[in-house]
PDB file of N, CA and C in Angstrom:
ATOM      1  N   MET A   1      14.990  -2.105  -5.924  1.00  0.00           N
ATOM      2  CA  MET A   1      16.418  -2.877  -5.943  1.00  0.00           C
ATOM      3  C   MET A   1      16.608  -3.200  -4.301  1.00  0.00           C
ATOM      4  N   PRO A   2      17.244  -4.355  -3.582  1.00  0.00           N
ATOM      5  CA  PRO A   2      17.426  -4.403  -2.388  1.00  0.00           C
ATOM      6  C   PRO A   2      18.362  -3.797  -1.898  1.00  0.00           C
ATOM      7  N   SER A   3      17.821  -3.070  -0.494  1.00  0.00           N
ATOM      8  CA  SER A   3      19.037  -2.375   0.026  1.00  0.00           C
ATOM      9  C   SER A   3      19.155  -2.330   1.284  1.00  0.00           C
ATOM     10  N   ALA A   4      18.601  -3.474   2.392  1.00  0.00           N
ATOM     11  CA  ALA A   4      18.740  -4.100   3.609  1.00  0.00           C
ATOM     12  C   ALA A   4      19.848  -3.860   4.165  1.00  0.00           C
ATOM     13  N   SER A   5      20.101  -3.330   5.211  1.00  0.00           N
ATOM     14  CA  SER A   5      21.698  -2.982   5.687  1.00  0.00           C
ATOM     15  C   SER A   5      22.118  -4.508   6.158  1.00  0.00           C
ATOM     16  N   ASP A   6      23.214  -4.842   6.214  1.00  0.00           N
ATOM     17  CA  ASP A   6      24.267  -6.107   6.495  1.00  0.00           C
ATOM     18  C   ASP A   6      23.286  -6.385   8.150  1.00  0.00           C
ATOM     19  N   GLU A   7      23.459  -5.270   8.960  1.00  0.00           N
ATOM     20  CA  GLU A   7      22.822  -5.584  10.157  1.00  0.00           C
ATOM     21  C   GLU A   7      21.671  -5.990  10.381  1.00  0.00           C
ATOM     22  N   LEU A   8      20.745  -5.311   9.409  1.00  0.00           N
ATOM     23  CA  LEU A   8      19.033  -5.662   9.452  1.00  0.00           C
ATOM     24  C   LEU A   8      19.045  -7.391   8.787  1.00  0.00           C
ATOM     25  N   ARG A   9      19.678  -7.254   7.848  1.00  0.00           N
ATOM     26  CA  ARG A   9      19.607  -9.154   7.287  1.00  0.00           C
ATOM     27  C   ARG A   9      19.889  -9.875   8.285  1.00  0.00           C
ATOM     28  N   ALA A  10      21.191  -9.435   9.139  1.00  0.00           N
ATOM     29  CA  ALA A  10      21.601 -10.477  10.022  1.00  0.00           C
ATOM     30  C   ALA A  10      20.677 -10.609  10.948  1.00  0.00           C
ATOM     31  N   ARG A  11      19.859  -9.934  11.578  1.00  0.00           N
ATOM     32  CA  ARG A  11      18.727 -10.107  12.504  1.00  0.00           C
ATOM     33  C   ARG A  11      17.381 -10.890  11.811  1.00  0.00           C
ATOM     34  N   ILE A  12      17.244 -10.572  10.558  1.00  0.00           N
ATOM     35  CA  ILE A  12      16.365 -11.343   9.636  1.00  0.00           C
ATOM     36  C   ILE A  12      16.516 -13.026   9.686  1.00  0.00           C
ATOM     37  N   LYS A  13      17.815 -13.211   9.661  1.00  0.00           N
ATOM     38  CA  LYS A  13      18.491 -14.469   9.345  1.00  0.00           C
ATOM     39  C   LYS A  13      18.306 -15.172  10.926  1.00  0.00           C
ATOM     40  N   GLU A  14      19.014 -14.228  12.111  1.00  0.00           N
ATOM     41  CA  GLU A  14      18.728 -14.997  13.321  1.00  0.00           C
ATOM     42  C   GLU A  14      17.469 -15.129  13.861  1.00  0.00           C
ATOM     43  N   TRP A  15      16.375 -14.736  13.249  1.00  0.00           N
ATOM     44  CA  TRP A  15      14.738 -14.683  13.831  1.00  0.00           C
ATOM     45  C   TRP A  15      14.492 -15.601  12.934  1.00  0.00           C
ATOM     46  N   PHE A  16      14.609 -15.828  11.606  1.00  0.00           N
ATOM     47  CA  PHE A  16      13.654 -16.490  10.723  1.00  0.00           C
ATOM     48  C   PHE A  16      14.647 -17.784  10.206  1.00  0.00           C
ATOM     49  N   GLY A  17      15.725 -17.719  10.426  1.00  0.00           N
ATOM     50  CA  GLY A  17      16.638 -18.772   9.319  1.00  0.00           C
ATOM     51  C   GLY A  17      17.204 -18.387   8.180  1.00  0.00           C
ATOM     52  N   TYR A  18      16.929 -17.267   7.388  1.00  0.00           N
ATOM     53  CA  TYR A  18      17.215 -17.006   6.043  1.00  0.00           C
ATOM     54  C   TYR A  18      17.689 -15.482   6.312  1.00  0.00           C
ATOM     55  N   GLU A  19      18.516 -15.013   5.338  1.00  0.00           N
ATOM     56  CA  GLU A  19      18.929 -13.880   5.572  1.00  0.00           C
ATOM     57  C   GLU A  19      18.341 -13.032   4.345  1.00  0.00           C
ATOM     58  N   ILE A  20      17.514 -13.704   3.163  1.00  0.00           N
ATOM     59  CA  ILE A  20      16.707 -12.993   2.418  1.00  0.00           C
ATOM     60  C   ILE A  20      15.582 -13.763   2.654  1.00  0.00           C
ATOM     61  N   ASP A  21      14.591 -13.311   3.292  1.00  0.00           N
ATOM     62  CA  ASP A  21      13.395 -14.170   3.501  1.00  0.00           C
ATOM     63  C   ASP A  21      12.383 -12.846   3.613  1.00  0.00           C
ATOM     64  N   GLU A  22      11.223 -12.960   3.009  1.00  0.00           N
ATOM     65  CA  GLU A  22      10.112 -12.348   2.708  1.00  0.00           C
ATOM     66  C   GLU A  22       9.077 -12.696   3.635  1.00  0.00           C
ATOM     67  N   ILE A  23       9.014 -14.067   3.807  1.00  0.00           N
ATOM     68  CA  ILE A  23       7.759 -14.964   4.217  1.00  0.00           C
ATOM     69  C   ILE A  23       7.843 -14.988   5.653  1.00  0.00           C
ATOM     70  N   GLY A  24       9.038 -14.927   6.484  1.00  0.00           N
ATOM     71  CA  GLY A  24       9.082 -15.057   7.963  1.00  0.00           C
ATOM     72  C   GLY A  24       8.862 -13.714   8.685  1.00  0.00           C
ATOM     73  N   PRO A  25       9.506 -12.562   8.108  1.00  0.00           N
ATOM     74  CA  PRO A  25       9.059 -10.997   8.606  1.00  0.00           C
ATOM     75  C   PRO A  25       7.309 -10.835   8.257  1.00  0.00           C
ATOM     76  N   ALA A  26       6.804 -11.239   7.132  1.00  0.00           N
ATOM     77  CA  ALA A  26       5.548 -10.865   6.794  1.00  0.00           C
ATOM     78  C   ALA A  26       4.314 -11.868   7.793  1.00  0.00           C
ATOM     79  N   ASN A  27       4.902 -13.086   7.849  1.00  0.00           N
ATOM     80  CA  ASN A  27       4.024 -13.857   8.703  1.00  0.00           C
ATOM     81  C   ASN A  27       3.957 -13.401   9.990  1.00  0.00           C
ATOM     82  N   PHE A  28       5.524 -13.061  10.747  1.00  0.00           N
ATOM     83  CA  PHE A  28       5.532 -12.481  12.160  1.00  0.00           C
ATOM     84  C   PHE A  28       4.730 -11.066  12.034  1.00  0.00           C
ATOM     85  N   LEU A  29       4.449 -10.278  11.379  1.00  0.00           N
ATOM     86  CA  LEU A  29       3.563  -8.982  11.327  1.00  0.00           C
ATOM     87  C   LEU A  29       2.517  -9.311  11.300  1.00  0.00           C
ATOM     88  N   ARG A  30       1.632 -10.175  10.655  1.00  0.00           N
ATOM     89  CA  ARG A  30       0.466 -10.733  10.756  1.00  0.00           C
ATOM     90  C   ARG A  30       0.010 -11.441  11.714  1.00  0.00           C
ATOM     91  N   GLU A  31       1.243 -11.868  12.305  1.00  0.00           N
ATOM     92  CA  GLU A  31       0.570 -12.858  13.861  1.00  0.00           C
ATOM     93  C   GLU A  31       0.568 -11.843  14.859  1.00  0.00           C
ATOM     94  N   ASN A  32       1.150 -10.881  14.669  1.00  0.00           N
ATOM     95  CA  ASN A  32       1.129  -9.729  15.660  1.00  0.00           C
ATOM     96  C   ASN A  32       0.076  -8.638  15.201  1.00  0.00           C
ATOM     97  N   GLY A  33      -0.821  -9.170  14.689  1.00  0.00           N
ATOM     98  CA  GLY A  33      -1.877  -8.178  14.381  1.00  0.00           C
ATOM     99  C   GLY A  33      -1.763  -6.779  13.216  1.00  0.00           C
ATOM    100  N   TRP A  34      -0.796  -6.801  12.648  1.00  0.00           N
ATOM    101  CA  TRP A  34      -0.696  -6.102  11.505  1.00  0.00           C
ATOM    102  C   TRP A  34      -1.396  -6.507  10.204  1.00  0.00           C
ATOM    103  N   THR A  35      -1.603  -5.796   9.487  1.00  0.00           N
ATOM    104  CA  THR A  35      -2.511  -5.728   8.345  1.00  0.00           C
ATOM    105  C   THR A  35      -1.847  -5.240   7.096  1.00  0.00           C
ATOM    106  N   GLU A  36      -1.979  -6.063   5.837  1.00  0.00           N
ATOM    107  CA  GLU A  36      -1.077  -5.593   4.656  1.00  0.00           C
ATOM    108  C   GLU A  36      -2.366  -5.492   3.512  1.00  0.00           C
ATOM    109  N   GLU A  37      -2.151  -4.635   2.736  1.00  0.00           N
ATOM    110  CA  GLU A  37      -3.040  -4.894   1.646  1.00  0.00           C
ATOM    111  C   GLU A  37      -2.168  -4.267   0.319  1.00  0.00           C
ATOM    112  N   LYS A  38      -2.031  -4.737  -0.835  1.00  0.00           N
ATOM    113  CA  LYS A  38      -1.074  -4.259  -1.946  1.00  0.00           C
ATOM    114  C   LYS A  38      -0.163  -4.043  -1.215  1.00  0.00           C
ATOM    115  N   PHE A  39       0.621  -4.843  -0.619  1.00  0.00           N
ATOM    116  CA  PHE A  39       2.063  -4.661  -0.211  1.00  0.00           C
ATOM    117  C   PHE A  39       2.296  -3.423   0.715  1.00  0.00           C
ATOM    118  N   MET A  40       1.296  -2.701   1.349  1.00  0.00           N
ATOM    119  CA  MET A  40       1.311  -1.509   2.274  1.00  0.00           C
ATOM    120  C   MET A  40       0.914  -2.013   3.524  1.00  0.00           C
ATOM    121  N   TRP A  41       1.559  -1.857   4.486  1.00  0.00           N
ATOM    122  CA  TRP A  41       1.491  -2.630   6.084  1.00  0.00           C
ATOM    123  C   TRP A  41       1.208  -1.524   6.956  1.00  0.00           C
ATOM    124  N   THR A  42       0.169  -1.611   7.905  1.00  0.00           N
ATOM    125  CA  THR A  42      -0.589  -0.930   8.811  1.00  0.00           C
ATOM    126  C   THR A  42      -0.332  -1.475  10.450  1.00  0.00           C
ATOM    127  N   GLU A  43      -0.099  -1.220  11.177  1.00  0.00           N
ATOM    128  CA  GLU A  43       0.493  -1.627  12.689  1.00  0.00           C
ATOM    129  C   GLU A  43      -1.380  -1.456  13.084  1.00  0.00           C
ATOM    130  N   PRO A  44      -0.967  -2.411  14.121  1.00  0.00           N
ATOM    131  CA  PRO A  44      -2.421  -2.954  14.983  1.00  0.00           C
ATOM    132  C   PRO A  44      -2.454  -1.496  15.556  1.00  0.00           C
ATOM    133  N   PRO A  45      -3.876  -1.228  15.596  1.00  0.00           N
ATOM    134  CA  PRO A  45      -4.365   0.191  16.709  1.00  0.00           C
ATOM    135  C   PRO A  45      -4.388   0.362  17.904  1.00  0.00           C
ATOM    136  N   ASP A  46      -4.201  -0.845  18.597  1.00  0.00           N
ATOM    137  CA  ASP A  46      -4.730  -1.106  20.312  1.00  0.00           C
ATOM    138  C   ASP A  46      -3.048  -1.126  20.852  1.00  0.00           C
ATOM    139  N   ARG A  47      -2.190  -0.869  20.620  1.00  0.00           N
ATOM    140  CA  ARG A  47      -0.816  -1.144  21.164  1.00  0.00           C
ATOM    141  C   ARG A  47       0.429  -0.358  20.747  1.00  0.00           C
ATOM    142  N   GLU A  48       1.530  -0.556  21.697  1.00  0.00           N
ATOM    143  CA  GLU A  48       2.757  -0.388  20.739  1.00  0.00           C
ATOM    144  C   GLU A  48       3.432  -1.112  19.867  1.00  0.00           C
ATOM    145  N   THR A  49       3.767  -0.489  18.948  1.00  0.00           N
ATOM    146  CA  THR A  49       4.734  -1.744  18.238  1.00  0.00           C
ATOM    147  C   THR A  49       6.059  -1.938  18.883  1.00  0.00           C
ATOM    148  N   THR A  50       6.472  -3.058  18.483  1.00  0.00           N
ATOM    149  CA  THR A  50       7.578  -3.579  19.447  1.00  0.00           C
ATOM    150  C   THR A  50       8.997  -3.445  18.666  1.00  0.00           C
ATOM    151  N   THR A  51      10.056  -3.041  18.775  1.00  0.00           N
ATOM    152  CA  THR A  51      11.484  -2.823  17.826  1.00  0.00           C
ATOM    153  C   THR A  51      11.474  -4.030  16.962  1.00  0.00           C
ATOM    154  N   LYS A  52      11.110  -5.349  17.173  1.00  0.00           N
ATOM    155  CA  LYS A  52      11.237  -6.293  16.245  1.00  0.00           C
ATOM    156  C   LYS A  52      10.056  -6.007  15.256  1.00  0.00           C
ATOM    157  N   GLU A  53       9.129  -5.418  15.394  1.00  0.00           N
ATOM    158  CA  GLU A  53       8.114  -5.276  14.564  1.00  0.00           C
ATOM    159  C   GLU A  53       8.134  -4.384  13.455  1.00  0.00           C
ATOM    160  N   TRP A  54       9.378  -3.334  14.105  1.00  0.00           N
ATOM    161  CA  TRP A  54       9.561  -2.187  13.269  1.00  0.00           C
ATOM    162  C   TRP A  54      10.776  -2.726  12.150  1.00  0.00           C
ATOM    163  N   ASP A  55      11.873  -3.446  13.272  1.00  0.00           N
ATOM    164  CA  ASP A  55      12.748  -3.937  12.187  1.00  0.00           C
ATOM    165  C   ASP A  55      12.507  -4.776  11.055  1.00  0.00           C
ATOM    166  N   CYS A  56      11.483  -5.722  11.233  1.00  0.00           N
ATOM    167  CA  CYS A  56      10.259  -6.414  10.136  1.00  0.00           C
ATOM    168  C   CYS A  56      10.151  -5.595   9.045  1.00  0.00           C
ATOM    169  N   LEU A  57       9.447  -4.787   9.376  1.00  0.00           N
ATOM    170  CA  LEU A  57       8.825  -3.480   8.218  1.00  0.00           C
ATOM    171  C   LEU A  57       9.866  -3.041   7.868  1.00  0.00           C
ATOM    172  N   GLN A  58      11.015  -2.465   8.168  1.00  0.00           N
ATOM    173  CA  GLN A  58      12.167  -1.714   7.804  1.00  0.00           C
ATOM    174  C   GLN A  58      12.618  -2.987   6.603  1.00  0.00           C
ATOM    175  N   TYR A  59      12.750  -4.075   7.005  1.00  0.00           N
ATOM    176  CA  TYR A  59      12.943  -5.244   6.101  1.00  0.00           C
ATOM    177  C   TYR A  59      12.607  -5.367   5.250  1.00  0.00           C
ATOM    178  N   LEU A  60      11.084  -5.409   5.083  1.00  0.00           N
ATOM    179  CA  LEU A  60      10.100  -5.599   3.866  1.00  0.00           C
ATOM    180  C   LEU A  60      10.076  -4.476   3.133  1.00  0.00           C
ATOM    181  N   ILE A  61      10.439  -3.230   3.742  1.00  0.00           N
ATOM    182  CA  ILE A  61      10.733  -1.958   2.808  1.00  0.00           C
ATOM    183  C   ILE A  61      12.238  -1.626   2.488  1.00  0.00           C
ATOM    184  N   ASP A  62      13.079  -1.852   2.900  1.00  0.00           N
ATOM    185  CA  ASP A  62      14.176  -1.606   2.396  1.00  0.00           C
ATOM    186  C   ASP A  62      14.424  -3.210   1.174  1.00  0.00           C
ATOM    187  N   GLU A  63      14.165  -4.140   1.570  1.00  0.00           N
ATOM    188  CA  GLU A  63      14.563  -5.194   0.779  1.00  0.00           C
ATOM    189  C   GLU A  63      13.340  -5.700  -0.295  1.00  0.00           C
ATOM    190  N   TRP A  64      12.448  -5.501  -0.060  1.00  0.00           N
ATOM    191  CA  TRP A  64      11.480  -6.048  -0.854  1.00  0.00           C
ATOM    192  C   TRP A  64      10.454  -4.711  -1.590  1.00  0.00           C
ATOM    193  N   ASP A  65      10.699  -3.836  -1.351  1.00  0.00           N
ATOM    194  CA  ASP A  65      10.065  -2.494  -1.595  1.00  0.00           C
ATOM    195  C   ASP A  65       8.686  -2.468  -1.736  1.00  0.00           C
ATOM    196  N   GLU A  66       8.442  -2.936  -0.278  1.00  0.00           N
ATOM    197  CA  GLU A  66       6.746  -2.766   0.323  1.00  0.00           C
ATOM    198  C   GLU A  66       6.548  -1.319   1.210  1.00  0.00           C
ATOM    199  N   GLY A  67       5.626  -0.867   1.585  1.00  0.00           N
ATOM    200  CA  GLY A  67       5.305   0.334   2.117  1.00  0.00           C
ATOM    201  C   GLY A  67       4.794   0.188   3.657  1.00  0.00           C
ATOM    202  N   TYR A  68       4.215   1.424   3.972  1.00  0.00           N
ATOM    203  CA  TYR A  68       3.824   1.210   5.305  1.00  0.00           C
ATOM    204  C   TYR A  68       2.936   2.549   5.168  1.00  0.00           C
ATOM    205  N   LEU A  69       1.885   1.992   6.194  1.00  0.00           N
ATOM    206  CA  LEU A  69       0.667   3.541   5.865  1.00  0.00           C
ATOM    207  C   LEU A  69       0.394   3.690   7.353  1.00  0.00           C
ATOM    208  N   PRO A  70       1.008   4.876   8.074  1.00  0.00           N
ATOM    209  CA  PRO A  70       0.630   5.205   9.531  1.00  0.00           C
ATOM    210  C   PRO A  70      -0.517   4.918   9.879  1.00  0.00           C
ATOM    211  N   ARG A  71      -0.928   4.354  11.047  1.00  0.00           N
ATOM    212  CA  ARG A  71      -2.661   4.124  11.392  1.00  0.00           C
ATOM    213  C   ARG A  71      -3.055   5.292  11.725  1.00  0.00           C
ATOM    214  N   ARG A  72      -4.202   5.390  11.649  1.00  0.00           N
ATOM    215  CA  ARG A  72      -4.808   6.862  11.723  1.00  0.00           C
ATOM    216  C   ARG A  72      -5.649   6.861  13.296  1.00  0.00           C
ATOM    217  N   GLU A  73      -5.248   8.002  13.721  1.00  0.00           N
ATOM    218  CA  GLU A  73      -5.984   8.040  14.955  1.00  0.00           C
ATOM    219  C   GLU A  73      -7.427   8.525  14.971  1.00  0.00           C
ATOM    220  N   ALA A  74      -8.093   8.019  15.908  1.00  0.00           N
ATOM    221  CA  ALA A  74      -9.528   8.104  15.823  1.00  0.00           C
ATOM    222  C   ALA A  74     -10.156   9.475  16.364  1.00  0.00           C
TER     223      ALA A  74
END
């Protein structure tokens, strides 16, 4: 069930043009090196994750029931 906060939805709308948008946040994450398999996201291993990336991930989790797999340290 969709449960993203009003504040998070407003940021998604500001960034991608729509308040209820799965494609914009997902494409943004992919463009920044994130990978997704079966709706489970993993951040890129070679840099710090930005606030915007975390917000997009949180939105996908809250609004679309997607998930997050933390990267494994070598």
